[in-house]
């Protein structure tokens, strides 16, 4: 009989290498954001099959986000970038976010039928 088992070690190694490259790229982007905003902190949010959202808040109050393909890649990227991760987006962490005119107009547009900023 022929051996029908597939050697998945090469496939697993390929996936691990791809995840490592993605984590390194995300870490570089996180460090860049942190440098531009006087430091940064983050929070991870699971967004289903798309992966995990990395929400970043700079020391100056500006914020942004990135999407990692998995939670483990997001955690690895945050660790490589050296940022503090919060369990939830509330309290003192949420209070650091500075919202500008775009966010206020956008929120009003969605909730009250106002301008869409398109």
Protein backbone atom coordinates (compact mmCIF):
# COMPACT_ATOMS: atom_id res chain seq x y z
CA UNK A 1 0.00 0.00 0.00
CA UNK A 2 1.13 3.49 -0.73
CA UNK A 3 1.81 5.93 2.06
CA UNK A 4 -1.10 8.39 1.92
CA UNK A 5 -0.02 10.64 4.74
CA UNK A 6 0.89 14.13 3.63
CA UNK A 7 3.96 15.77 5.13
CA UNK A 8 2.51 18.94 6.59
CA UNK A 9 5.70 20.05 8.33
CA UNK A 10 6.79 22.04 5.26
CA UNK A 11 3.35 23.64 5.03
CA UNK A 12 3.37 24.46 8.74
CA UNK A 13 6.85 25.97 8.46
CA UNK A 14 5.68 28.09 5.53
CA UNK A 15 2.66 29.35 7.46
CA UNK A 16 4.80 30.13 10.48
CA UNK A 17 7.30 32.06 8.34
CA UNK A 18 4.48 34.02 6.70
CA UNK A 19 2.96 34.86 10.10
CA UNK A 20 6.37 35.98 11.36
CA UNK A 21 6.87 38.26 8.34
CA UNK A 22 3.39 39.76 8.83
CA UNK A 23 4.05 40.35 12.55
CA UNK A 24 7.36 42.05 11.71
CA UNK A 25 5.66 44.32 9.15
CA UNK A 26 2.90 45.24 11.60
CA UNK A 27 5.49 45.90 14.34
CA UNK A 28 7.30 48.29 12.00
CA UNK A 29 4.05 50.16 11.35
CA UNK A 30 3.26 50.28 15.07
CA UNK A 31 6.73 51.64 15.88
CA UNK A 32 6.33 54.27 13.16
CA UNK A 33 2.97 55.37 14.61
CA UNK A 34 4.44 55.41 18.11
CA UNK A 35 7.41 57.52 17.01
CA UNK A 36 5.17 60.02 15.22
CA UNK A 37 2.86 60.42 18.22
CA UNK A 38 5.23 60.48 21.18
CA UNK A 39 4.59 56.87 22.15
CA UNK A 40 1.58 54.60 21.84
CA UNK A 41 -0.55 52.08 23.65
CA UNK A 42 -2.87 49.52 22.12
CA UNK A 43 -5.82 47.22 22.49
CA UNK A 44 -6.66 44.09 20.52
CA UNK A 45 -10.18 43.38 19.30
CA UNK A 46 -11.26 40.16 17.59
CA UNK A 47 -13.12 40.98 14.35
CA UNK A 48 -14.11 37.52 13.21
CA UNK A 49 -12.61 35.72 10.23
CA UNK A 50 -10.83 38.92 9.17
CA UNK A 51 -8.54 38.60 12.19
CA UNK A 52 -7.73 40.97 15.02
CA UNK A 53 -7.87 44.76 15.04
CA UNK A 54 -4.96 46.53 16.71
CA UNK A 55 -6.22 49.89 17.98
CA UNK A 56 -3.39 52.34 18.67
CA UNK A 57 -3.63 55.50 20.75
CA UNK A 58 -0.70 57.90 20.69
CA UNK A 59 0.42 59.97 23.65
CA UNK A 60 -0.80 63.05 21.74
CA UNK A 61 -4.35 61.60 21.54
CA UNK A 62 -4.26 60.68 17.86
CA UNK A 63 -5.39 57.16 17.10
CA UNK A 64 -5.35 54.62 14.34
CA UNK A 65 -5.73 50.93 13.75
CA UNK A 66 -4.25 48.00 11.88
CA UNK A 67 -5.64 44.54 11.13
CA UNK A 68 -3.66 41.38 11.79
CA UNK A 69 -4.71 38.06 10.23
CA UNK A 70 -4.87 36.38 13.65
CA UNK A 71 -4.76 37.14 17.35
CA UNK A 72 -1.36 35.50 17.73
CA UNK A 73 0.12 37.66 14.95
CA UNK A 74 -1.36 40.78 16.59
CA UNK A 75 0.12 39.88 19.98
CA UNK A 76 3.50 39.12 18.40
CA UNK A 77 3.50 42.45 16.52
CA UNK A 78 2.64 44.42 19.66
CA UNK A 79 5.37 42.64 21.63
CA UNK A 80 7.94 43.28 18.89
CA UNK A 81 6.94 46.96 18.80
CA UNK A 82 7.19 47.22 22.59
CA UNK A 83 3.80 48.82 23.22
CA UNK A 84 1.57 48.37 26.24
CA UNK A 85 -1.61 46.42 25.50
CA UNK A 86 -4.84 47.06 27.40
CA UNK A 87 -7.48 44.40 28.00
CA UNK A 88 -10.36 46.71 27.09
CA UNK A 89 -10.96 50.08 25.53
CA UNK A 90 -12.40 51.96 28.49
CA UNK A 91 -11.47 54.19 31.39
CA UNK A 92 -8.18 56.07 31.30
CA UNK A 93 -7.15 54.47 28.01
CA UNK A 94 -10.28 55.60 26.16
CA UNK A 95 -9.98 59.07 27.72
CA UNK A 96 -6.64 59.54 25.92
CA UNK A 97 -8.31 59.53 22.49
CA UNK A 98 -8.70 62.94 20.91
CA UNK A 99 -11.50 63.15 18.37
CA UNK A 100 -11.46 65.80 15.71
CA UNK A 101 -14.01 67.42 13.40
CA UNK A 102 -13.97 64.49 11.00
CA UNK A 103 -14.99 62.00 13.69
CA UNK A 104 -17.73 64.26 15.08
CA UNK A 105 -19.17 64.98 11.64
CA UNK A 106 -18.94 61.34 10.67
CA UNK A 107 -20.65 60.19 13.87
CA UNK A 108 -23.42 62.78 13.43
CA UNK A 109 -23.82 61.75 9.79
CA UNK A 110 -24.30 58.12 10.70
CA UNK A 111 -26.62 58.71 13.64
CA UNK A 112 -28.66 61.69 12.50
CA UNK A 113 -28.65 61.50 8.74
CA UNK A 114 -26.08 64.30 8.48
CA UNK A 115 -23.26 64.66 5.96
CA UNK A 116 -21.41 61.49 5.08
CA UNK A 117 -17.99 63.13 4.48
CA UNK A 118 -17.78 61.28 1.20
